[in-house]
Amino acid sequence: MDCIFCKIIAGEIPSQKVYEDDRVLAFHDINPIAPVHILVVPKRHIPSLLAIQSDDQELVGELHLALQHVAKEMGVADSGFRVITNTGTHGQQTVHHLHYHLIGGRQLEWKA
């Protein structure tokens, strides 16, 4: 598979890990847009939000618990943060592996 996130999960490409368990990996984005910019990904390849199946409900819950953990570890849980998942061309999805951007560490603006 030619998925950059699958290669990071496999250890073929280095990353700056923040959190890892059996099913989830979180690591620093290489092009951060804020002081805190962490990617949280399932270790199993799921192409996008639209590819989540009903049997993925437990994994999606684990992703959200990992997001909570990362927000606390990165010191943004109290001040606030944003969680984004890009889906499809118009959503600016460039890596077709489900992932969440946890962004914080400064006052965020909303630009559509």
Protein backbone atom coordinates (compact mmCIF):
# COMPACT_ATOMS: atom_id res chain seq x y z
CA MET A 1 0.00 0.00 0.00
CA ASP A 2 1.29 3.45 -0.88
CA CYS A 3 -0.31 5.29 2.07
CA ILE A 4 2.05 7.62 3.93
CA PHE A 5 0.16 7.14 7.21
CA CYS A 6 0.33 3.35 6.88
CA LYS A 7 4.09 3.73 6.40
CA ILE A 8 4.33 5.92 9.50
CA ILE A 9 2.29 3.37 11.48
CA ALA A 10 4.59 0.57 10.24
CA GLY A 11 7.66 2.57 11.30
CA GLU A 12 8.92 2.91 7.71
CA ILE A 13 8.73 6.71 7.96
CA PRO A 14 9.73 8.43 11.21
CA SER A 15 7.28 10.56 13.16
CA GLN A 16 7.23 12.50 16.39
CA LYS A 17 4.75 10.36 18.33
CA VAL A 18 2.54 11.83 21.02
CA TYR A 19 0.30 8.84 21.77
CA GLU A 20 0.10 5.21 20.73
CA ASP A 21 -1.92 2.16 21.67
CA ASP A 22 -2.86 -1.03 19.83
CA ARG A 23 -5.32 0.68 17.47
CA VAL A 24 -4.48 4.42 17.40
CA LEU A 25 -1.42 6.55 16.69
CA ALA A 26 -1.03 10.30 17.26
CA PHE A 27 1.91 12.31 15.99
CA HIS A 28 2.96 15.88 15.20
CA ASP A 29 1.93 17.25 11.79
CA ILE A 30 5.00 18.07 9.69
CA ASN A 31 3.36 21.33 8.48
CA PRO A 32 1.70 22.71 11.62
CA ILE A 33 -0.76 25.58 11.35
CA ALA A 34 -0.77 26.27 15.11
CA PRO A 35 1.54 25.69 18.08
CA VAL A 36 -0.27 22.39 18.68
CA HIS A 37 -1.09 20.41 15.53
CA ILE A 38 -1.36 16.67 16.07
CA LEU A 39 -2.68 14.01 13.69
CA VAL A 40 -4.67 11.18 15.25
CA VAL A 41 -5.10 8.13 13.01
CA PRO A 42 -6.45 4.61 13.28
CA LYS A 43 -3.76 2.00 12.70
CA ARG A 44 -6.12 0.14 10.40
CA HIS A 45 -6.40 1.76 6.99
CA ILE A 46 -9.78 3.43 6.51
CA PRO A 47 -9.75 5.73 3.45
CA SER A 48 -12.00 8.48 4.83
CA LEU A 49 -14.88 9.37 7.11
CA LEU A 50 -17.24 8.07 4.42
CA ALA A 51 -15.60 4.63 4.55
CA ILE A 52 -16.36 4.06 8.25
CA GLN A 53 -18.57 0.99 8.66
CA SER A 54 -20.94 0.06 11.49
CA ASP A 55 -18.37 -2.40 12.85
CA ASP A 56 -15.91 0.52 13.23
CA GLN A 57 -17.96 2.16 16.00
CA GLU A 58 -15.66 0.96 18.78
CA LEU A 59 -12.57 2.18 16.88
CA VAL A 60 -14.15 5.60 16.28
CA GLY A 61 -14.84 5.83 20.02
CA GLU A 62 -11.21 4.96 20.72
CA LEU A 63 -10.10 7.70 18.33
CA HIS A 64 -12.17 10.22 20.29
CA LEU A 65 -10.74 9.03 23.61
CA ALA A 66 -7.25 9.37 22.12
CA LEU A 67 -8.12 12.93 21.06
CA GLN A 68 -9.09 13.70 24.68
CA HIS A 69 -5.83 12.21 25.94
CA VAL A 70 -3.73 14.13 23.40
CA ALA A 71 -5.50 17.44 24.19
CA LYS A 72 -4.65 16.96 27.88
CA GLU A 73 -1.05 15.89 27.17
CA MET A 74 -0.48 18.86 24.85
CA GLY A 75 -1.92 21.31 27.39
CA VAL A 76 -4.88 22.55 25.34
CA ALA A 77 -7.76 20.76 27.06
CA ASP A 78 -8.60 23.75 29.29
CA SER A 79 -7.98 26.55 26.77
CA GLY A 80 -9.74 24.79 23.89
CA PHE A 81 -8.84 23.25 20.57
CA ARG A 82 -10.32 22.22 17.25
CA VAL A 83 -10.69 18.74 15.76
CA ILE A 84 -10.97 18.53 11.98
CA THR A 85 -11.22 15.67 9.52
CA ASN A 86 -11.00 16.50 5.84
CA THR A 87 -13.08 14.39 3.47
CA GLY A 88 -12.88 14.37 -0.32
CA THR A 89 -11.56 16.89 -2.82
CA HIS A 90 -13.57 19.89 -1.68
CA GLY A 91 -12.80 19.01 1.94
CA GLN A 92 -9.07 19.22 1.12
CA GLN A 93 -8.34 15.58 1.97
CA THR A 94 -4.82 14.95 0.68
CA VAL A 95 -4.01 11.71 2.52
CA HIS A 96 -6.67 9.07 1.98
CA HIS A 97 -6.39 7.49 5.41
CA LEU A 98 -8.91 8.62 8.03
CA HIS A 99 -7.23 11.14 10.32
CA TYR A 100 -8.15 13.90 12.71
CA HIS A 101 -6.24 17.15 13.10
CA LEU A 102 -6.13 18.35 16.71
CA ILE A 103 -5.24 22.04 16.51
CA GLY A 104 -4.74 24.49 19.37
CA GLY A 105 -2.30 26.48 21.43
CA ARG A 106 -3.56 29.88 20.21
CA GLN A 107 -6.83 31.66 19.54
CA LEU A 108 -8.25 30.07 16.39
CA GLU A 109 -10.25 31.91 13.75
CA TRP A 110 -12.99 30.50 11.56
CA LYS A 111 -12.50 30.95 7.82
CA ALA A 112 -14.65 28.96 5.41
